[in-house]
Amino acid sequence: MNSTSDAESNSGFLEEIASVVTVIRDGDDRVLLASSSNDGPWSCLGGAVRSGESLEDAARRYPQEDCGVTVELRGVVANLNCALIHSQRDAGPTSSRGERNTW
């Protein structure tokens, strides 16, 4: 795995983005999943945290915006650090593992 300085020198610049993913369960312990298209992959709701927004507010905002669901937060499952590496060639973001992000 490349160090941050190797990643920056090889690919452009490194950008850290705070994001949230919500796991929403109902009374029957079913999990709410969403898809952005009819044939797209299913996933939990979430995304990038806006400037000045808390993680908790972002975790409440995404289900409301995407599905009209109001949630009660019950805890944090994980706190992970991720980064995007922007290529100097195409200025498109890739993950820190070199995978192309498609959002």
C-alpha atoms as a PDB file:
ATOM      1  CA  MET A   1       0.000   0.000   0.000  1.00  0.00           C
ATOM      2  CA  ASN A   2       1.346   3.423  -0.914  1.00  0.00           C
ATOM      3  CA  SER A   3       1.857   6.047   1.718  1.00  0.00           C
ATOM      4  CA  THR A   4      -0.108   9.280   1.456  1.00  0.00           C
ATOM      5  CA  SER A   5       2.875  11.063  -0.084  1.00  0.00           C
ATOM      6  CA  ASP A   6       3.272   8.309  -2.718  1.00  0.00           C
ATOM      7  CA  ALA A   7      -0.446   8.468  -3.536  1.00  0.00           C
ATOM      8  CA  GLU A   8      -0.349  12.243  -3.826  1.00  0.00           C
ATOM      9  CA  SER A   9       2.724  12.306  -6.048  1.00  0.00           C
ATOM     10  CA  ASN A  10       1.451   9.530  -8.336  1.00  0.00           C
ATOM     11  CA  SER A  11      -2.195  10.501  -8.660  1.00  0.00           C
ATOM     12  CA  GLY A  12      -2.697  14.189  -7.986  1.00  0.00           C
ATOM     13  CA  PHE A  13      -4.158  15.117  -4.629  1.00  0.00           C
ATOM     14  CA  LEU A  14      -5.721  13.297  -1.722  1.00  0.00           C
ATOM     15  CA  GLU A  15      -9.092  14.433  -0.382  1.00  0.00           C
ATOM     16  CA  GLU A  16     -10.656  13.178   2.831  1.00  0.00           C
ATOM     17  CA  ILE A  17     -14.456  13.277   2.847  1.00  0.00           C
ATOM     18  CA  ALA A  18     -16.593  12.622   5.922  1.00  0.00           C
ATOM     19  CA  SER A  19     -19.546  10.393   5.110  1.00  0.00           C
ATOM     20  CA  VAL A  20     -22.248   8.374   6.834  1.00  0.00           C
ATOM     21  CA  VAL A  21     -24.084   5.128   6.167  1.00  0.00           C
ATOM     22  CA  THR A  22     -27.287   4.359   8.033  1.00  0.00           C
ATOM     23  CA  VAL A  23     -28.561   0.876   8.859  1.00  0.00           C
ATOM     24  CA  ILE A  24     -32.298   1.327   9.319  1.00  0.00           C
ATOM     25  CA  ARG A  25     -34.271  -1.525  10.883  1.00  0.00           C
ATOM     26  CA  ASP A  26     -37.986  -1.803  11.504  1.00  0.00           C
ATOM     27  CA  GLY A  27     -39.802  -3.590  14.336  1.00  0.00           C
ATOM     28  CA  ASP A  28     -39.432  -6.924  12.523  1.00  0.00           C
ATOM     29  CA  ASP A  29     -35.647  -6.393  12.235  1.00  0.00           C
ATOM     30  CA  ARG A  30     -35.846  -5.883   8.460  1.00  0.00           C
ATOM     31  CA  VAL A  31     -33.228  -3.524   6.954  1.00  0.00           C
ATOM     32  CA  LEU A  32     -34.214  -0.685   4.619  1.00  0.00           C
ATOM     33  CA  LEU A  33     -32.165  -0.688   1.395  1.00  0.00           C
ATOM     34  CA  ALA A  34     -32.390   1.731  -1.527  1.00  0.00           C
ATOM     35  CA  SER A  35     -31.344   1.754  -5.165  1.00  0.00           C
ATOM     36  CA  SER A  36     -30.777   4.757  -7.404  1.00  0.00           C
ATOM     37  CA  SER A  37     -32.167   2.898 -10.431  1.00  0.00           C
ATOM     38  CA  ASN A  38     -34.418  -0.051 -11.258  1.00  0.00           C
ATOM     39  CA  ASP A  39     -31.478  -2.341 -12.010  1.00  0.00           C
ATOM     40  CA  GLY A  40     -28.837  -0.724  -9.800  1.00  0.00           C
ATOM     41  CA  PRO A  41     -27.257  -2.182  -6.688  1.00  0.00           C
ATOM     42  CA  TRP A  42     -29.105  -2.010  -3.378  1.00  0.00           C
ATOM     43  CA  SER A  43     -27.420  -0.328  -0.433  1.00  0.00           C
ATOM     44  CA  CYS A  44     -27.980   1.322   2.909  1.00  0.00           C
ATOM     45  CA  LEU A  45     -28.727   5.053   2.815  1.00  0.00           C
ATOM     46  CA  GLY A  46     -25.994   7.608   3.305  1.00  0.00           C
ATOM     47  CA  GLY A  47     -23.447   9.851   1.678  1.00  0.00           C
ATOM     48  CA  ALA A  48     -21.147  12.810   2.219  1.00  0.00           C
ATOM     49  CA  VAL A  49     -21.483  15.077   5.229  1.00  0.00           C
ATOM     50  CA  ARG A  50     -22.066  18.712   4.279  1.00  0.00           C
ATOM     51  CA  SER A  51     -19.739  21.453   5.457  1.00  0.00           C
ATOM     52  CA  GLY A  52     -20.687  22.395   9.033  1.00  0.00           C
ATOM     53  CA  GLU A  53     -23.059  19.414   9.384  1.00  0.00           C
ATOM     54  CA  SER A  54     -22.608  16.883  12.193  1.00  0.00           C
ATOM     55  CA  LEU A  55     -22.392  13.164  11.465  1.00  0.00           C
ATOM     56  CA  GLU A  56     -25.646  12.699  13.371  1.00  0.00           C
ATOM     57  CA  ASP A  57     -27.475  15.334  11.322  1.00  0.00           C
ATOM     58  CA  ALA A  58     -26.228  13.771   8.082  1.00  0.00           C
ATOM     59  CA  ALA A  59     -27.347  10.327   9.275  1.00  0.00           C
ATOM     60  CA  ARG A  60     -30.852  11.744   9.833  1.00  0.00           C
ATOM     61  CA  ARG A  61     -30.890  13.774   6.596  1.00  0.00           C
ATOM     62  CA  TYR A  62     -30.182  11.012   4.069  1.00  0.00           C
ATOM     63  CA  PRO A  63     -33.124   8.718   4.961  1.00  0.00           C
ATOM     64  CA  GLN A  64     -35.440  11.750   5.022  1.00  0.00           C
ATOM     65  CA  GLU A  65     -34.236  13.092   1.661  1.00  0.00           C
ATOM     66  CA  ASP A  66     -34.000   9.749  -0.128  1.00  0.00           C
ATOM     67  CA  CYS A  67     -37.038   7.882   1.236  1.00  0.00           C
ATOM     68  CA  GLY A  68     -39.054  10.281   3.376  1.00  0.00           C
ATOM     69  CA  VAL A  69     -38.176   8.256   6.479  1.00  0.00           C
ATOM     70  CA  THR A  70     -37.550   9.874   9.860  1.00  0.00           C
ATOM     71  CA  VAL A  71     -35.066   7.902  11.937  1.00  0.00           C
ATOM     72  CA  GLU A  72     -34.079   7.725  15.589  1.00  0.00           C
ATOM     73  CA  LEU A  73     -30.325   7.255  15.986  1.00  0.00           C
ATOM     74  CA  ARG A  74     -29.398   4.493  18.404  1.00  0.00           C
ATOM     75  CA  GLY A  75     -25.623   4.355  18.133  1.00  0.00           C
ATOM     76  CA  VAL A  76     -22.520   4.231  15.996  1.00  0.00           C
ATOM     77  CA  VAL A  77     -21.497   0.924  14.447  1.00  0.00           C
ATOM     78  CA  ALA A  78     -18.116   2.021  13.058  1.00  0.00           C
ATOM     79  CA  ASN A  79     -15.985   5.082  12.507  1.00  0.00           C
ATOM     80  CA  LEU A  80     -13.755   4.613   9.451  1.00  0.00           C
ATOM     81  CA  ASN A  81     -11.348   6.930   7.655  1.00  0.00           C
ATOM     82  CA  CYS A  82     -11.445   6.906   3.853  1.00  0.00           C
ATOM     83  CA  ALA A  83      -9.939   9.154   1.230  1.00  0.00           C
ATOM     84  CA  LEU A  84     -10.376   9.965  -2.449  1.00  0.00           C
ATOM     85  CA  ILE A  85      -7.391  10.352  -4.733  1.00  0.00           C
ATOM     86  CA  HIS A  86      -7.981  12.738  -7.608  1.00  0.00           C
ATOM     87  CA  SER A  87      -6.062  11.997 -10.766  1.00  0.00           C
ATOM     88  CA  GLN A  88      -4.169  14.796 -12.478  1.00  0.00           C
ATOM     89  CA  ARG A  89      -4.978  13.215 -15.843  1.00  0.00           C
ATOM     90  CA  ASP A  90      -8.787  13.212 -15.681  1.00  0.00           C
ATOM     91  CA  ALA A  91      -9.520  14.984 -12.380  1.00  0.00           C
ATOM     92  CA  GLY A  92     -11.977  12.177 -11.589  1.00  0.00           C
ATOM     93  CA  PRO A  93     -12.087  10.683  -8.097  1.00  0.00           C
ATOM     94  CA  THR A  94     -10.925   7.166  -7.305  1.00  0.00           C
ATOM     95  CA  SER A  95     -10.935   5.378  -3.988  1.00  0.00           C
ATOM     96  CA  SER A  96      -7.785   5.063  -1.909  1.00  0.00           C
ATOM     97  CA  ARG A  97      -7.519   1.512  -3.326  1.00  0.00           C
ATOM     98  CA  GLY A  98      -7.427   2.894  -6.877  1.00  0.00           C
ATOM     99  CA  GLU A  99     -11.011   1.903  -7.744  1.00  0.00           C
ATOM    100  CA  ARG A 100     -13.096   4.295  -9.828  1.00  0.00           C
ATOM    101  CA  ASN A 101     -15.986   5.881  -7.936  1.00  0.00           C
ATOM    102  CA  THR A 102     -19.234   6.088  -9.876  1.00  0.00           C
ATOM    103  CA  TRP A 103     -21.679   8.432  -8.217  1.00  0.00           C
END
